[in-house]
Amino acid sequence: VQLQASGGGLVQAGGSLRLSCAASGSTFSSYTIGWFRRAPGKERGFVSFIGSGGTAYYADSVKGRFTLSRDNAQNTVYLQMNNLKPEDTAIYYCARRGSRDSPTRVSTYENWGQGTQVTVSS
């Protein structure tokens, strides 16, 4: 399976962006898809994941501002990001969960997309 992240850009603080993660493969509906981000000078960290049933979980830092959803007919997961803050500036990556380890760990995921840059100006 291949994943392609898109939708990043430059936005002012308080603004919104919607990221997309498009996947190939006929079994997309069974995948758990996670989003991670790497801020400048930091390691890649957990943002959110969505299971096959559509339930999403979020890092505390984005809870209440970000919403993750999926459209299985389009083989796409959407990360709606509202009330963006400068500290949300990062490269955002999507990936498919590849093991039963914790879904908030980078090492649990595989088939990483190339990432999309989000820059939030103050």
C-alpha atoms as a PDB file:
ATOM      1  CA  VAL A   1       0.000   0.000   0.000  1.00  0.00           C
ATOM      2  CA  GLN A   2       1.135   3.555  -0.713  1.00  0.00           C
ATOM      3  CA  LEU A   3       0.057   6.621   1.193  1.00  0.00           C
ATOM      4  CA  GLN A   4       0.128  10.194  -0.083  1.00  0.00           C
ATOM      5  CA  ALA A   5      -0.256  13.142   2.275  1.00  0.00           C
ATOM      6  CA  SER A   6      -1.315  16.530   0.948  1.00  0.00           C
ATOM      7  CA  GLY A   7      -3.000  19.769   1.921  1.00  0.00           C
ATOM      8  CA  GLY A   8      -0.289  21.518   3.856  1.00  0.00           C
ATOM      9  CA  GLY A   9       0.500  25.189   3.501  1.00  0.00           C
ATOM     10  CA  LEU A  10       1.068  28.504   5.214  1.00  0.00           C
ATOM     11  CA  VAL A  11      -1.666  29.845   7.466  1.00  0.00           C
ATOM     12  CA  GLN A  12      -1.981  32.492  10.151  1.00  0.00           C
ATOM     13  CA  ALA A  13      -2.537  31.558  13.757  1.00  0.00           C
ATOM     14  CA  GLY A  14      -6.198  30.825  14.350  1.00  0.00           C
ATOM     15  CA  GLY A  15      -6.660  29.597  10.807  1.00  0.00           C
ATOM     16  CA  SER A  16      -7.546  26.175   9.458  1.00  0.00           C
ATOM     17  CA  LEU A  17      -6.183  23.571   7.094  1.00  0.00           C
ATOM     18  CA  ARG A  18      -7.390  20.174   5.991  1.00  0.00           C
ATOM     19  CA  LEU A  19      -4.820  17.501   5.320  1.00  0.00           C
ATOM     20  CA  SER A  20      -5.582  14.452   3.229  1.00  0.00           C
ATOM     21  CA  CYS A  21      -4.000  11.030   3.252  1.00  0.00           C
ATOM     22  CA  ALA A  22      -4.879   9.074   0.135  1.00  0.00           C
ATOM     23  CA  ALA A  23      -4.136   5.369   0.000  1.00  0.00           C
ATOM     24  CA  SER A  24      -3.964   2.703  -2.621  1.00  0.00           C
ATOM     25  CA  GLY A  25      -5.214  -0.808  -1.946  1.00  0.00           C
ATOM     26  CA  SER A  26      -8.551  -2.519  -1.844  1.00  0.00           C
ATOM     27  CA  THR A  27      -8.472  -3.215   1.902  1.00  0.00           C
ATOM     28  CA  PHE A  28      -8.187   0.429   2.969  1.00  0.00           C
ATOM     29  CA  SER A  29     -11.289   0.209   5.156  1.00  0.00           C
ATOM     30  CA  SER A  30      -9.516  -2.262   7.433  1.00  0.00           C
ATOM     31  CA  TYR A  31      -6.493  -0.039   8.031  1.00  0.00           C
ATOM     32  CA  THR A  32      -5.768   2.009  11.088  1.00  0.00           C
ATOM     33  CA  ILE A  33      -4.219   5.254   9.825  1.00  0.00           C
ATOM     34  CA  GLY A  34      -2.107   7.469  11.986  1.00  0.00           C
ATOM     35  CA  TRP A  35      -0.859  11.029  11.675  1.00  0.00           C
ATOM     36  CA  PHE A  36       2.427  12.157  13.123  1.00  0.00           C
ATOM     37  CA  ARG A  37       4.371  15.390  12.848  1.00  0.00           C
ATOM     38  CA  ARG A  38       7.974  16.467  13.073  1.00  0.00           C
ATOM     39  CA  ALA A  39       8.556  19.995  14.224  1.00  0.00           C
ATOM     40  CA  PRO A  40      11.885  21.717  13.537  1.00  0.00           C
ATOM     41  CA  GLY A  41      14.545  20.277  15.800  1.00  0.00           C
ATOM     42  CA  LYS A  42      12.247  17.650  17.279  1.00  0.00           C
ATOM     43  CA  GLU A  43      11.515  14.008  16.723  1.00  0.00           C
ATOM     44  CA  ARG A  44       8.418  12.752  14.984  1.00  0.00           C
ATOM     45  CA  GLY A  45       5.485  12.726  17.406  1.00  0.00           C
ATOM     46  CA  PHE A  46       1.958  11.363  17.544  1.00  0.00           C
ATOM     47  CA  VAL A  47      -0.968  13.536  16.461  1.00  0.00           C
ATOM     48  CA  SER A  48      -3.963  11.277  15.881  1.00  0.00           C
ATOM     49  CA  PHE A  49      -5.099   7.919  14.592  1.00  0.00           C
ATOM     50  CA  ILE A  50      -8.345   6.489  13.310  1.00  0.00           C
ATOM     51  CA  GLY A  51      -9.353   2.874  13.457  1.00  0.00           C
ATOM     52  CA  SER A  52     -11.267   0.819  10.941  1.00  0.00           C
ATOM     53  CA  GLY A  53     -14.487   1.541  12.804  1.00  0.00           C
ATOM     54  CA  GLY A  54     -14.014   5.287  12.435  1.00  0.00           C
ATOM     55  CA  THR A  55     -13.167   6.117  16.040  1.00  0.00           C
ATOM     56  CA  ALA A  56     -10.365   8.646  16.300  1.00  0.00           C
ATOM     57  CA  TYR A  57      -7.922   9.395  19.110  1.00  0.00           C
ATOM     58  CA  TYR A  58      -5.864  12.518  19.590  1.00  0.00           C
ATOM     59  CA  ALA A  59      -2.783  13.794  21.299  1.00  0.00           C
ATOM     60  CA  ASP A  60      -3.651  16.148  24.146  1.00  0.00           C
ATOM     61  CA  SER A  61      -1.969  19.006  22.317  1.00  0.00           C
ATOM     62  CA  VAL A  62      -4.477  18.882  19.453  1.00  0.00           C
ATOM     63  CA  LYS A  63      -7.599  17.582  21.181  1.00  0.00           C
ATOM     64  CA  GLY A  64     -10.569  19.867  20.577  1.00  0.00           C
ATOM     65  CA  ARG A  65      -8.874  21.539  17.589  1.00  0.00           C
ATOM     66  CA  PHE A  66      -8.168  18.667  15.189  1.00  0.00           C
ATOM     67  CA  THR A  67     -10.691  16.212  13.793  1.00  0.00           C
ATOM     68  CA  LEU A  68      -9.765  13.021  11.983  1.00  0.00           C
ATOM     69  CA  SER A  69     -12.219  11.292   9.684  1.00  0.00           C
ATOM     70  CA  ARG A  70     -12.155   8.755   6.893  1.00  0.00           C
ATOM     71  CA  ASP A  71     -13.950   8.182   3.616  1.00  0.00           C
ATOM     72  CA  ASN A  72     -13.473   4.551   2.716  1.00  0.00           C
ATOM     73  CA  ALA A  73     -15.129   5.017  -0.686  1.00  0.00           C
ATOM     74  CA  GLN A  74     -12.373   7.506  -1.535  1.00  0.00           C
ATOM     75  CA  ASN A  75      -9.605   5.585   0.258  1.00  0.00           C
ATOM     76  CA  THR A  76      -8.812   8.816   2.071  1.00  0.00           C
ATOM     77  CA  VAL A  77      -8.365  10.019   5.618  1.00  0.00           C
ATOM     78  CA  TYR A  78      -8.853  13.697   6.416  1.00  0.00           C
ATOM     79  CA  LEU A  79      -7.258  15.678   9.234  1.00  0.00           C
ATOM     80  CA  GLN A  80      -9.186  18.886   9.801  1.00  0.00           C
ATOM     81  CA  MET A  81      -7.056  21.317  11.762  1.00  0.00           C
ATOM     82  CA  ASN A  82      -8.730  24.361  13.298  1.00  0.00           C
ATOM     83  CA  ASN A  83      -7.485  27.140  15.531  1.00  0.00           C
ATOM     84  CA  LEU A  84      -3.940  26.462  14.420  1.00  0.00           C
ATOM     85  CA  LYS A  85      -1.080  27.672  16.567  1.00  0.00           C
ATOM     86  CA  PRO A  86       2.545  28.440  15.698  1.00  0.00           C
ATOM     87  CA  GLU A  87       3.569  25.344  17.655  1.00  0.00           C
ATOM     88  CA  ASP A  88       1.628  23.231  15.154  1.00  0.00           C
ATOM     89  CA  THR A  89       4.254  24.095  12.542  1.00  0.00           C
ATOM     90  CA  ALA A  90       5.731  20.797  11.370  1.00  0.00           C
ATOM     91  CA  ILE A  91       5.919  18.291   8.579  1.00  0.00           C
ATOM     92  CA  TYR A  92       2.856  16.068   8.875  1.00  0.00           C
ATOM     93  CA  TYR A  93       3.019  12.408   7.924  1.00  0.00           C
ATOM     94  CA  CYS A  94       0.406   9.695   7.601  1.00  0.00           C
ATOM     95  CA  ALA A  95       1.096   6.001   7.879  1.00  0.00           C
ATOM     96  CA  ARG A  96      -0.606   2.649   8.222  1.00  0.00           C
ATOM     97  CA  ARG A  97      -0.527   0.759  11.482  1.00  0.00           C
ATOM     98  CA  GLY A  98       1.568  -2.323  10.926  1.00  0.00           C
ATOM     99  CA  SER A  99       1.546  -4.076  14.286  1.00  0.00           C
ATOM    100  CA  ARG A 100      -0.454  -4.441  17.471  1.00  0.00           C
ATOM    101  CA  ASP A 101       1.914  -2.252  19.425  1.00  0.00           C
ATOM    102  CA  SER A 102       0.693   1.051  20.816  1.00  0.00           C
ATOM    103  CA  PRO A 103      -0.984   3.096  18.064  1.00  0.00           C
ATOM    104  CA  THR A 104       0.711   6.241  19.352  1.00  0.00           C
ATOM    105  CA  ARG A 105       4.223   4.975  18.657  1.00  0.00           C
ATOM    106  CA  VAL A 106       6.082   5.772  15.460  1.00  0.00           C
ATOM    107  CA  SER A 107       7.522   2.279  15.309  1.00  0.00           C
ATOM    108  CA  THR A 108       4.027   0.744  15.099  1.00  0.00           C
ATOM    109  CA  TYR A 109       3.464   2.220  11.656  1.00  0.00           C
ATOM    110  CA  GLU A 110       4.670   1.488   8.139  1.00  0.00           C
ATOM    111  CA  ASN A 111       4.017   2.645   4.584  1.00  0.00           C
ATOM    112  CA  TRP A 112       4.783   6.241   5.496  1.00  0.00           C
ATOM    113  CA  GLY A 113       3.733   8.962   3.079  1.00  0.00           C
ATOM    114  CA  GLN A 114       6.208  11.643   2.053  1.00  0.00           C
ATOM    115  CA  GLY A 115       4.861  14.299   4.424  1.00  0.00           C
ATOM    116  CA  THR A 116       3.291  17.696   3.909  1.00  0.00           C
ATOM    117  CA  GLN A 117       4.545  20.942   5.409  1.00  0.00           C
ATOM    118  CA  VAL A 118       2.295  22.989   7.671  1.00  0.00           C
ATOM    119  CA  THR A 119       3.517  26.423   8.685  1.00  0.00           C
ATOM    120  CA  VAL A 120       1.559  28.587  11.107  1.00  0.00           C
ATOM    121  CA  SER A 121       2.609  32.216  11.414  1.00  0.00           C
ATOM    122  CA  SER A 122       1.971  34.272  14.511  1.00  0.00           C
END
